[in-house]
Amino acid sequence: LEIGYGMGQSLVEMAVQAPEKNFIGVEVHLPGVGSLLNLAEEA
């Protein structure tokens, strides 16, 4: 569980590096949420 992932680059990178793990992010900044979803889809 990551609290405050910002624009999501690091969280997505961790998800790529550890596909055996589940990652739940929490972010209040909507552009950051959109960025995370975009990056996760691209990856």
PDB file of all heavy atoms in Angstrom:
ATOM      1  N   LEU A   1       0.862  -1.188   0.000  1.00  0.00           N
ATOM      2  CA  LEU A   1       0.000   0.000   0.000  1.00  0.00           C
ATOM      3  C   LEU A   1       0.894   1.231   0.000  1.00  0.00           C
ATOM      4  O   LEU A   1       1.691   1.410   0.919  1.00  0.00           O
ATOM      5  CB  LEU A   1      -0.900   0.008   1.231  1.00  0.00           C
ATOM      6  CG  LEU A   1      -1.789   1.248   1.419  1.00  0.00           C
ATOM      7  CD1 LEU A   1      -2.892   1.293   0.365  1.00  0.00           C
ATOM      8  CD2 LEU A   1      -2.397   1.272   2.824  1.00  0.00           C
ATOM      9  N   GLU A   2       0.793   2.064  -1.033  1.00  0.00           N
ATOM     10  CA  GLU A   2       1.575   3.302  -1.070  1.00  0.00           C
ATOM     11  C   GLU A   2       0.647   4.495  -0.869  1.00  0.00           C
ATOM     12  O   GLU A   2      -0.328   4.673  -1.600  1.00  0.00           O
ATOM     13  CB  GLU A   2       2.353   3.462  -2.377  1.00  0.00           C
ATOM     14  CG  GLU A   2       3.115   4.790  -2.402  1.00  0.00           C
ATOM     15  CD  GLU A   2       4.291   4.823  -3.348  1.00  0.00           C
ATOM     16  OE1 GLU A   2       4.706   3.753  -3.837  1.00  0.00           O
ATOM     17  OE2 GLU A   2       4.804   5.922  -3.602  1.00  0.00           O
ATOM     18  N   ILE A   3       0.985   5.318   0.096  1.00  0.00           N
ATOM     19  CA  ILE A   3       0.208   6.507   0.431  1.00  0.00           C
ATOM     20  C   ILE A   3       0.865   7.723  -0.210  1.00  0.00           C
ATOM     21  O   ILE A   3       1.995   8.071   0.125  1.00  0.00           O
ATOM     22  CB  ILE A   3       0.110   6.678   1.957  1.00  0.00           C
ATOM     23  CG1 ILE A   3      -0.633   5.487   2.565  1.00  0.00           C
ATOM     24  CG2 ILE A   3      -0.571   7.999   2.322  1.00  0.00           C
ATOM     25  CD1 ILE A   3      -0.616   5.455   4.085  1.00  0.00           C
ATOM     26  N   GLY A   4       0.179   8.343  -1.156  1.00  0.00           N
ATOM     27  CA  GLY A   4       0.696   9.541  -1.810  1.00  0.00           C
ATOM     28  C   GLY A   4       1.727   9.233  -2.868  1.00  0.00           C
ATOM     29  O   GLY A   4       2.908   9.521  -2.701  1.00  0.00           O
ATOM     30  N   TYR A   5       1.297   8.656  -4.001  1.00  0.00           N
ATOM     31  CA  TYR A   5       2.258   8.268  -5.040  1.00  0.00           C
ATOM     32  C   TYR A   5       2.502   9.374  -6.059  1.00  0.00           C
ATOM     33  O   TYR A   5       3.292   9.198  -6.988  1.00  0.00           O
ATOM     34  CB  TYR A   5       1.799   6.999  -5.743  1.00  0.00           C
ATOM     35  CG  TYR A   5       0.429   7.062  -6.387  1.00  0.00           C
ATOM     36  CD1 TYR A   5       0.208   7.782  -7.567  1.00  0.00           C
ATOM     37  CD2 TYR A   5      -0.646   6.380  -5.830  1.00  0.00           C
ATOM     38  CE1 TYR A   5      -1.042   7.823  -8.168  1.00  0.00           C
ATOM     39  CE2 TYR A   5      -1.904   6.411  -6.425  1.00  0.00           C
ATOM     40  CZ  TYR A   5      -2.098   7.133  -7.592  1.00  0.00           C
ATOM     41  OH  TYR A   5      -3.339   7.175  -8.187  1.00  0.00           O
ATOM     42  N   GLY A   6       1.857  10.523  -5.909  1.00  0.00           N
ATOM     43  CA  GLY A   6       2.124  11.642  -6.811  1.00  0.00           C
ATOM     44  C   GLY A   6       1.699  11.361  -8.242  1.00  0.00           C
ATOM     45  O   GLY A   6       0.541  11.108  -8.513  1.00  0.00           O
ATOM     46  N   MET A   7       2.646  11.397  -9.174  1.00  0.00           N
ATOM     47  CA  MET A   7       2.332  11.159 -10.583  1.00  0.00           C
ATOM     48  C   MET A   7       2.484   9.699 -10.967  1.00  0.00           C
ATOM     49  O   MET A   7       2.217   9.319 -12.096  1.00  0.00           O
ATOM     50  CB  MET A   7       3.210  12.040 -11.477  1.00  0.00           C
ATOM     51  CG  MET A   7       3.047  13.535 -11.218  1.00  0.00           C
ATOM     52  SD  MET A   7       1.325  14.119 -11.268  1.00  0.00           S
ATOM     53  CE  MET A   7       0.975  14.060 -13.020  1.00  0.00           C
ATOM     54  N   GLY A   8       2.920   8.860 -10.042  1.00  0.00           N
ATOM     55  CA  GLY A   8       2.853   7.423 -10.232  1.00  0.00           C
ATOM     56  C   GLY A   8       4.033   6.737 -10.878  1.00  0.00           C
ATOM     57  O   GLY A   8       4.029   5.520 -11.031  1.00  0.00           O
ATOM     58  N   GLN A   9       5.084   7.490 -11.257  1.00  0.00           N
ATOM     59  CA  GLN A   9       6.205   6.850 -11.950  1.00  0.00           C
ATOM     60  C   GLN A   9       6.852   5.749 -11.115  1.00  0.00           C
ATOM     61  O   GLN A   9       7.090   4.641 -11.597  1.00  0.00           O
ATOM     62  CB  GLN A   9       7.276   7.889 -12.328  1.00  0.00           C
ATOM     63  CG  GLN A   9       6.840   8.888 -13.374  1.00  0.00           C
ATOM     64  CD  GLN A   9       6.353  10.185 -12.743  1.00  0.00           C
ATOM     65  OE1 GLN A   9       5.852  10.183 -11.614  1.00  0.00           O
ATOM     66  NE2 GLN A   9       6.498  11.286 -13.462  1.00  0.00           N
ATOM     67  N   SER A  10       7.143   6.063  -9.858  1.00  0.00           N
ATOM     68  CA  SER A  10       7.830   5.089  -9.011  1.00  0.00           C
ATOM     69  C   SER A  10       6.956   3.880  -8.724  1.00  0.00           C
ATOM     70  O   SER A  10       7.430   2.742  -8.713  1.00  0.00           O
ATOM     71  CB  SER A  10       8.261   5.742  -7.689  1.00  0.00           C
ATOM     72  OG  SER A  10       9.250   6.715  -7.905  1.00  0.00           O
ATOM     73  N   LEU A  11       5.662   4.109  -8.485  1.00  0.00           N
ATOM     74  CA  LEU A  11       4.768   2.996  -8.180  1.00  0.00           C
ATOM     75  C   LEU A  11       4.663   2.045  -9.370  1.00  0.00           C
ATOM     76  O   LEU A  11       4.706   0.821  -9.201  1.00  0.00           O
ATOM     77  CB  LEU A  11       3.386   3.525  -7.789  1.00  0.00           C
ATOM     78  CG  LEU A  11       2.366   2.477  -7.325  1.00  0.00           C
ATOM     79  CD1 LEU A  11       2.902   1.652  -6.172  1.00  0.00           C
ATOM     80  CD2 LEU A  11       1.055   3.157  -6.940  1.00  0.00           C
ATOM     81  N   VAL A  12       4.548   2.580 -10.566  1.00  0.00           N
ATOM     82  CA  VAL A  12       4.486   1.728 -11.754  1.00  0.00           C
ATOM     83  C   VAL A  12       5.798   0.983 -11.950  1.00  0.00           C
ATOM     84  O   VAL A  12       5.807  -0.212 -12.277  1.00  0.00           O
ATOM     85  CB  VAL A  12       4.121   2.550 -13.003  1.00  0.00           C
ATOM     86  CG1 VAL A  12       4.292   1.712 -14.278  1.00  0.00           C
ATOM     87  CG2 VAL A  12       2.693   3.062 -12.899  1.00  0.00           C
ATOM     88  N   GLU A  13       6.907   1.665 -11.725  1.00  0.00           N
ATOM     89  CA  GLU A  13       8.204   0.999 -11.863  1.00  0.00           C
ATOM     90  C   GLU A  13       8.320  -0.177 -10.894  1.00  0.00           C
ATOM     91  O   GLU A  13       8.811  -1.252 -11.253  1.00  0.00           O
ATOM     92  CB  GLU A  13       9.345   1.996 -11.627  1.00  0.00           C
ATOM     93  CG  GLU A  13      10.718   1.405 -11.859  1.00  0.00           C
ATOM     94  CD  GLU A  13      11.846   2.414 -11.749  1.00  0.00           C
ATOM     95  OE1 GLU A  13      11.570   3.638 -11.859  1.00  0.00           O
ATOM     96  OE2 GLU A  13      13.004   1.991 -11.567  1.00  0.00           O
ATOM     97  N   MET A  14       7.855   0.017  -9.658  1.00  0.00           N
ATOM     98  CA  MET A  14       7.884  -1.077  -8.693  1.00  0.00           C
ATOM     99  C   MET A  14       6.989  -2.222  -9.129  1.00  0.00           C
ATOM    100  O   MET A  14       7.329  -3.403  -8.953  1.00  0.00           O
ATOM    101  CB  MET A  14       7.483  -0.567  -7.313  1.00  0.00           C
ATOM    102  CG  MET A  14       8.550   0.262  -6.632  1.00  0.00           C
ATOM    103  SD  MET A  14       8.112   0.772  -4.947  1.00  0.00           S
ATOM    104  CE  MET A  14       6.983   2.111  -5.309  1.00  0.00           C
ATOM    105  N   ALA A  15       5.832  -1.900  -9.696  1.00  0.00           N
ATOM    106  CA  ALA A  15       4.911  -2.936 -10.169  1.00  0.00           C
ATOM    107  C   ALA A  15       5.524  -3.730 -11.316  1.00  0.00           C
ATOM    108  O   ALA A  15       5.323  -4.947 -11.420  1.00  0.00           O
ATOM    109  CB  ALA A  15       3.588  -2.307 -10.594  1.00  0.00           C
ATOM    110  N   VAL A  16       6.266  -3.051 -12.184  1.00  0.00           N
ATOM    111  CA  VAL A  16       6.952  -3.728 -13.285  1.00  0.00           C
ATOM    112  C   VAL A  16       8.030  -4.657 -12.745  1.00  0.00           C
ATOM    113  O   VAL A  16       8.181  -5.803 -13.199  1.00  0.00           O
ATOM    114  CB  VAL A  16       7.566  -2.696 -14.255  1.00  0.00           C
ATOM    115  CG1 VAL A  16       8.502  -3.375 -15.254  1.00  0.00           C
ATOM    116  CG2 VAL A  16       6.476  -1.928 -14.991  1.00  0.00           C
ATOM    117  N   GLN A  17       8.787  -4.181 -11.767  1.00  0.00           N
ATOM    118  CA  GLN A  17       9.902  -4.945 -11.223  1.00  0.00           C
ATOM    119  C   GLN A  17       9.462  -6.108 -10.349  1.00  0.00           C
ATOM    120  O   GLN A  17      10.219  -7.069 -10.157  1.00  0.00           O
ATOM    121  CB  GLN A  17      10.828  -4.019 -10.423  1.00  0.00           C
ATOM    122  CG  GLN A  17      11.542  -2.982 -11.266  1.00  0.00           C
ATOM    123  CD  GLN A  17      12.347  -2.003 -10.428  1.00  0.00           C
ATOM    124  OE1 GLN A  17      12.266  -1.990  -9.193  1.00  0.00           O
ATOM    125  NE2 GLN A  17      13.146  -1.173 -11.085  1.00  0.00           N
ATOM    126  N   ALA A  18       8.246  -6.040  -9.811  1.00  0.00           N
ATOM    127  CA  ALA A  18       7.774  -7.089  -8.901  1.00  0.00           C
ATOM    128  C   ALA A  18       6.373  -7.550  -9.310  1.00  0.00           C
ATOM    129  O   ALA A  18       5.393  -7.286  -8.610  1.00  0.00           O
ATOM    130  CB  ALA A  18       7.792  -6.593  -7.458  1.00  0.00           C
ATOM    131  N   PRO A  19       6.232  -8.241 -10.432  1.00  0.00           N
ATOM    132  CA  PRO A  19       4.903  -8.660 -10.898  1.00  0.00           C
ATOM    133  C   PRO A  19       4.229  -9.649  -9.955  1.00  0.00           C
ATOM    134  O   PRO A  19       3.009  -9.845 -10.032  1.00  0.00           O
ATOM    135  CB  PRO A  19       5.191  -9.298 -12.259  1.00  0.00           C
ATOM    136  CG  PRO A  19       6.631  -9.711 -12.195  1.00  0.00           C
ATOM    137  CD  PRO A  19       7.304  -8.673 -11.352  1.00  0.00           C
ATOM    138  N   GLU A  20       5.008 -10.244  -9.069  1.00  0.00           N
ATOM    139  CA  GLU A  20       4.441 -11.201  -8.117  1.00  0.00           C
ATOM    140  C   GLU A  20       3.738 -10.518  -6.944  1.00  0.00           C
ATOM    141  O   GLU A  20       3.051 -11.166  -6.152  1.00  0.00           O
ATOM    142  CB  GLU A  20       5.549 -12.121  -7.570  1.00  0.00           C
ATOM    143  CG  GLU A  20       6.495 -11.487  -6.567  1.00  0.00           C
ATOM    144  CD  GLU A  20       7.574 -10.574  -7.164  1.00  0.00           C
ATOM    145  OE1 GLU A  20       7.578 -10.391  -8.397  1.00  0.00           O
ATOM    146  OE2 GLU A  20       8.410 -10.064  -6.388  1.00  0.00           O
ATOM    147  N   LYS A  21       3.861  -9.190  -6.849  1.00  0.00           N
ATOM    148  CA  LYS A  21       3.252  -8.442  -5.753  1.00  0.00           C
ATOM    149  C   LYS A  21       2.021  -7.675  -6.237  1.00  0.00           C
ATOM    150  O   LYS A  21       1.907  -7.336  -7.418  1.00  0.00           O
ATOM    151  CB  LYS A  21       4.254  -7.444  -5.155  1.00  0.00           C
ATOM    152  CG  LYS A  21       5.449  -8.097  -4.471  1.00  0.00           C
ATOM    153  CD  LYS A  21       6.369  -7.034  -3.875  1.00  0.00           C
ATOM    154  CE  LYS A  21       7.572  -7.661  -3.182  1.00  0.00           C
ATOM    155  NZ  LYS A  21       8.471  -6.633  -2.588  1.00  0.00           N
ATOM    156  N   ASN A  22       1.125  -7.374  -5.307  1.00  0.00           N
ATOM    157  CA  ASN A  22      -0.021  -6.502  -5.558  1.00  0.00           C
ATOM    158  C   ASN A  22       0.292  -5.103  -5.023  1.00  0.00           C
ATOM    159  O   ASN A  22       0.828  -4.987  -3.917  1.00  0.00           O
ATOM    160  CB  ASN A  22      -1.275  -7.022  -4.850  1.00  0.00           C
ATOM    161  CG  ASN A  22      -1.688  -8.407  -5.307  1.00  0.00           C
ATOM    162  OD1 ASN A  22      -1.447  -8.786  -6.451  1.00  0.00           O
ATOM    163  ND2 ASN A  22      -2.312  -9.164  -4.415  1.00  0.00           N
ATOM    164  N   PHE A  23      -0.067  -4.066  -5.769  1.00  0.00           N
ATOM    165  CA  PHE A  23       0.191  -2.691  -5.352  1.00  0.00           C
ATOM    166  C   PHE A  23      -1.116  -1.891  -5.331  1.00  0.00           C
ATOM    167  O   PHE A  23      -1.813  -1.818  -6.343  1.00  0.00           O
ATOM    168  CB  PHE A  23       1.187  -2.013  -6.296  1.00  0.00           C
ATOM    169  CG  PHE A  23       2.578  -2.581  -6.225  1.00  0.00           C
ATOM    170  CD1 PHE A  23       2.928  -3.685  -6.994  1.00  0.00           C
ATOM    171  CD2 PHE A  23       3.532  -2.025  -5.384  1.00  0.00           C
ATOM    172  CE1 PHE A  23       4.205  -4.218  -6.929  1.00  0.00           C
ATOM    173  CE2 PHE A  23       4.813  -2.546  -5.314  1.00  0.00           C
ATOM    174  CZ  PHE A  23       5.157  -3.653  -6.089  1.00  0.00           C
ATOM    175  N   ILE A  24      -1.409  -1.307  -4.177  1.00  0.00           N
ATOM    176  CA  ILE A  24      -2.556  -0.402  -4.041  1.00  0.00           C
ATOM    177  C   ILE A  24      -2.018   0.989  -3.756  1.00  0.00           C
ATOM    178  O   ILE A  24      -1.279   1.189  -2.785  1.00  0.00           O
ATOM    179  CB  ILE A  24      -3.495  -0.843  -2.904  1.00  0.00           C
ATOM    180  CG1 ILE A  24      -4.048  -2.249  -3.168  1.00  0.00           C
ATOM    181  CG2 ILE A  24      -4.641   0.167  -2.748  1.00  0.00           C
ATOM    182  CD1 ILE A  24      -4.887  -2.795  -2.020  1.00  0.00           C
ATOM    183  N   GLY A  25      -2.375   1.947  -4.593  1.00  0.00           N
ATOM    184  CA  GLY A  25      -1.941   3.321  -4.394  1.00  0.00           C
ATOM    185  C   GLY A  25      -3.088   4.184  -3.891  1.00  0.00           C
ATOM    186  O   GLY A  25      -4.258   3.897  -4.153  1.00  0.00           O
ATOM    187  N   VAL A  26      -2.735   5.244  -3.186  1.00  0.00           N
ATOM    188  CA  VAL A  26      -3.714   6.219  -2.700  1.00  0.00           C
ATOM    189  C   VAL A  26      -3.196   7.606  -3.050  1.00  0.00           C
ATOM    190  O   VAL A  26      -2.060   7.959  -2.699  1.00  0.00           O
ATOM    191  CB  VAL A  26      -3.914   6.121  -1.172  1.00  0.00           C
ATOM    192  CG1 VAL A  26      -5.017   7.086  -0.730  1.00  0.00           C
ATOM    193  CG2 VAL A  26      -4.235   4.699  -0.748  1.00  0.00           C
ATOM    194  N   GLU A  27      -4.009   8.392  -3.742  1.00  0.00           N
ATOM    195  CA  GLU A  27      -3.600   9.739  -4.161  1.00  0.00           C
ATOM    196  C   GLU A  27      -4.833  10.624  -4.276  1.00  0.00           C
ATOM    197  O   GLU A  27      -5.866  10.196  -4.816  1.00  0.00           O
ATOM    198  CB  GLU A  27      -2.870   9.658  -5.509  1.00  0.00           C
ATOM    199  CG  GLU A  27      -2.432  10.994  -6.083  1.00  0.00           C
ATOM    200  CD  GLU A  27      -1.540  11.779  -5.132  1.00  0.00           C
ATOM    201  OE1 GLU A  27      -0.502  11.245  -4.695  1.00  0.00           O
ATOM    202  OE2 GLU A  27      -1.912  12.919  -4.824  1.00  0.00           O
ATOM    203  N   VAL A  28      -4.742  11.850  -3.759  1.00  0.00           N
ATOM    204  CA  VAL A  28      -5.878  12.774  -3.843  1.00  0.00           C
ATOM    205  C   VAL A  28      -5.821  13.672  -5.076  1.00  0.00           C
ATOM    206  O   VAL A  28      -6.820  14.295  -5.429  1.00  0.00           O
ATOM    207  CB  VAL A  28      -5.978  13.674  -2.577  1.00  0.00           C
ATOM    208  CG1 VAL A  28      -6.325  12.854  -1.369  1.00  0.00           C
ATOM    209  CG2 VAL A  28      -4.680  14.452  -2.359  1.00  0.00           C
ATOM    210  N   HIS A  29      -4.674  13.755  -5.715  1.00  0.00           N
ATOM    211  CA  HIS A  29      -4.467  14.667  -6.840  1.00  0.00           C
ATOM    212  C   HIS A  29      -4.897  13.959  -8.127  1.00  0.00           C
ATOM    213  O   HIS A  29      -4.229  13.025  -8.598  1.00  0.00           O
ATOM    214  CB  HIS A  29      -2.991  15.053  -6.895  1.00  0.00           C
ATOM    215  CG  HIS A  29      -2.649  16.110  -7.880  1.00  0.00           C
ATOM    216  ND1 HIS A  29      -3.317  17.314  -7.963  1.00  0.00           N
ATOM    217  CD2 HIS A  29      -1.677  16.161  -8.833  1.00  0.00           C
ATOM    218  CE1 HIS A  29      -2.770  18.049  -8.922  1.00  0.00           C
ATOM    219  NE2 HIS A  29      -1.786  17.367  -9.467  1.00  0.00           N
ATOM    220  N   LEU A  30      -6.025  14.367  -8.718  1.00  0.00           N
ATOM    221  CA  LEU A  30      -6.605  13.647  -9.841  1.00  0.00           C
ATOM    222  C   LEU A  30      -5.659  13.537 -11.045  1.00  0.00           C
ATOM    223  O   LEU A  30      -5.602  12.465 -11.674  1.00  0.00           O
ATOM    224  CB  LEU A  30      -7.933  14.290 -10.256  1.00  0.00           C
ATOM    225  CG  LEU A  30      -8.808  13.476 -11.209  1.00  0.00           C
ATOM    226  CD1 LEU A  30      -9.128  12.102 -10.626  1.00  0.00           C
ATOM    227  CD2 LEU A  30     -10.087  14.226 -11.540  1.00  0.00           C
ATOM    228  N   PRO A  31      -4.918  14.597 -11.420  1.00  0.00           N
ATOM    229  CA  PRO A  31      -3.963  14.408 -12.519  1.00  0.00           C
ATOM    230  C   PRO A  31      -2.946  13.305 -12.223  1.00  0.00           C
ATOM    231  O   PRO A  31      -2.531  12.586 -13.130  1.00  0.00           O
ATOM    232  CB  PRO A  31      -3.288  15.781 -12.629  1.00  0.00           C
ATOM    233  CG  PRO A  31      -4.348  16.741 -12.169  1.00  0.00           C
ATOM    234  CD  PRO A  31      -5.023  16.030 -11.032  1.00  0.00           C
ATOM    235  N   GLY A  32      -2.561  13.163 -10.948  1.00  0.00           N
ATOM    236  CA  GLY A  32      -1.649  12.088 -10.583  1.00  0.00           C
ATOM    237  C   GLY A  32      -2.270  10.721 -10.786  1.00  0.00           C
ATOM    238  O   GLY A  32      -1.614   9.779 -11.239  1.00  0.00           O
ATOM    239  N   VAL A  33      -3.555  10.597 -10.451  1.00  0.00           N
ATOM    240  CA  VAL A  33      -4.268   9.330 -10.653  1.00  0.00           C
ATOM    241  C   VAL A  33      -4.341   9.009 -12.139  1.00  0.00           C
ATOM    242  O   VAL A  33      -4.087   7.875 -12.564  1.00  0.00           O
ATOM    243  CB  VAL A  33      -5.679   9.387 -10.031  1.00  0.00           C
ATOM    244  CG1 VAL A  33      -6.426   8.093 -10.287  1.00  0.00           C
ATOM    245  CG2 VAL A  33      -5.592   9.659  -8.526  1.00  0.00           C
ATOM    246  N   GLY A  34      -4.683  10.011 -12.937  1.00  0.00           N
ATOM    247  CA  GLY A  34      -4.722   9.799 -14.380  1.00  0.00           C
ATOM    248  C   GLY A  34      -3.364   9.412 -14.935  1.00  0.00           C
ATOM    249  O   GLY A  34      -3.258   8.540 -15.814  1.00  0.00           O
ATOM    250  N   SER A  35      -2.322  10.043 -14.419  1.00  0.00           N
ATOM    251  CA  SER A  35      -0.967   9.722 -14.855  1.00  0.00           C
ATOM    252  C   SER A  35      -0.611   8.285 -14.513  1.00  0.00           C
ATOM    253  O   SER A  35      -0.043   7.550 -15.329  1.00  0.00           O
ATOM    254  CB  SER A  35       0.030  10.685 -14.199  1.00  0.00           C
ATOM    255  OG  SER A  35       1.368  10.307 -14.491  1.00  0.00           O
ATOM    256  N   LEU A  36      -0.935   7.858 -13.287  1.00  0.00           N
ATOM    257  CA  LEU A  36      -0.657   6.482 -12.876  1.00  0.00           C
ATOM    258  C   LEU A  36      -1.340   5.486 -13.806  1.00  0.00           C
ATOM    259  O   LEU A  36      -0.711   4.523 -14.275  1.00  0.00           O
ATOM    260  CB  LEU A  36      -1.132   6.249 -11.448  1.00  0.00           C
ATOM    261  CG  LEU A  36      -1.046   4.796 -10.972  1.00  0.00           C
ATOM    262  CD1 LEU A  36       0.368   4.462 -10.530  1.00  0.00           C
ATOM    263  CD2 LEU A  36      -2.036   4.506  -9.858  1.00  0.00           C
ATOM    264  N   LEU A  37      -2.623   5.698 -14.080  1.00  0.00           N
ATOM    265  CA  LEU A  37      -3.356   4.773 -14.935  1.00  0.00           C
ATOM    266  C   LEU A  37      -2.765   4.731 -16.342  1.00  0.00           C
ATOM    267  O   LEU A  37      -2.662   3.662 -16.955  1.00  0.00           O
ATOM    268  CB  LEU A  37      -4.830   5.172 -14.990  1.00  0.00           C
ATOM    269  CG  LEU A  37      -5.604   5.090 -13.663  1.00  0.00           C
ATOM    270  CD1 LEU A  37      -7.020   5.616 -13.845  1.00  0.00           C
ATOM    271  CD2 LEU A  37      -5.623   3.669 -13.122  1.00  0.00           C
ATOM    272  N   ASN A  38      -2.368   5.883 -16.837  1.00  0.00           N
ATOM    273  CA  ASN A  38      -1.768   5.961 -18.166  1.00  0.00           C
ATOM    274  C   ASN A  38      -0.450   5.195 -18.206  1.00  0.00           C
ATOM    275  O   ASN A  38      -0.197   4.399 -19.117  1.00  0.00           O
ATOM    276  CB  ASN A  38      -1.553   7.425 -18.539  1.00  0.00           C
ATOM    277  CG  ASN A  38      -1.353   7.624 -20.031  1.00  0.00           C
ATOM    278  OD1 ASN A  38      -1.880   6.873 -20.852  1.00  0.00           O
ATOM    279  ND2 ASN A  38      -0.584   8.635 -20.390  1.00  0.00           N
ATOM    280  N   LEU A  39       0.399   5.435 -17.191  1.00  0.00           N
ATOM    281  CA  LEU A  39       1.702   4.772 -17.139  1.00  0.00           C
ATOM    282  C   LEU A  39       1.563   3.270 -16.957  1.00  0.00           C
ATOM    283  O   LEU A  39       2.301   2.487 -17.572  1.00  0.00           O
ATOM    284  CB  LEU A  39       2.538   5.360 -15.994  1.00  0.00           C
ATOM    285  CG  LEU A  39       3.004   6.808 -16.161  1.00  0.00           C
ATOM    286  CD1 LEU A  39       3.567   7.330 -14.847  1.00  0.00           C
ATOM    287  CD2 LEU A  39       4.047   6.915 -17.271  1.00  0.00           C
ATOM    288  N   ALA A  40       0.616   2.858 -16.105  1.00  0.00           N
ATOM    289  CA  ALA A  40       0.412   1.430 -15.875  1.00  0.00           C
ATOM    290  C   ALA A  40      -0.065   0.732 -17.138  1.00  0.00           C
ATOM    291  O   ALA A  40       0.370  -0.375 -17.471  1.00  0.00           O
ATOM    292  CB  ALA A  40      -0.588   1.228 -14.740  1.00  0.00           C
ATOM    293  N   GLU A  41      -0.954   1.407 -17.872  1.00  0.00           N
ATOM    294  CA  GLU A  41      -1.449   0.834 -19.137  1.00  0.00           C
ATOM    295  C   GLU A  41      -0.313   0.721 -20.142  1.00  0.00           C
ATOM    296  O   GLU A  41      -0.167  -0.310 -20.817  1.00  0.00           O
ATOM    297  CB  GLU A  41      -2.575   1.702 -19.685  1.00  0.00           C
ATOM    298  CG  GLU A  41      -3.226   1.128 -20.929  1.00  0.00           C
ATOM    299  CD  GLU A  41      -4.369   2.004 -21.432  1.00  0.00           C
ATOM    300  OE1 GLU A  41      -4.358   3.226 -21.172  1.00  0.00           O
ATOM    301  OE2 GLU A  41      -5.262   1.460 -22.096  1.00  0.00           O
ATOM    302  N   GLU A  42       0.497   1.763 -20.250  1.00  0.00           N
ATOM    303  CA  GLU A  42       1.624   1.739 -21.188  1.00  0.00           C
ATOM    304  C   GLU A  42       2.621   0.643 -20.843  1.00  0.00           C
ATOM    305  O   GLU A  42       3.192   0.006 -21.726  1.00  0.00           O
ATOM    306  CB  GLU A  42       2.327   3.093 -21.191  1.00  0.00           C
ATOM    307  CG  GLU A  42       1.532   4.220 -21.839  1.00  0.00           C
ATOM    308  CD  GLU A  42       2.250   5.553 -21.760  1.00  0.00           C
ATOM    309  OE1 GLU A  42       3.303   5.617 -21.079  1.00  0.00           O
ATOM    310  OE2 GLU A  42       1.773   6.511 -22.377  1.00  0.00           O
ATOM    311  N   ALA A  43       2.818   0.416 -19.528  1.00  0.00           N
ATOM    312  CA  ALA A  43       3.784  -0.595 -19.088  1.00  0.00           C
ATOM    313  C   ALA A  43       3.221  -2.010 -19.159  1.00  0.00           C
ATOM    314  O   ALA A  43       3.962  -2.985 -19.035  1.00  0.00           O
ATOM    315  CB  ALA A  43       4.229  -0.294 -17.659  1.00  0.00           C
TER     316      ALA A  43
END
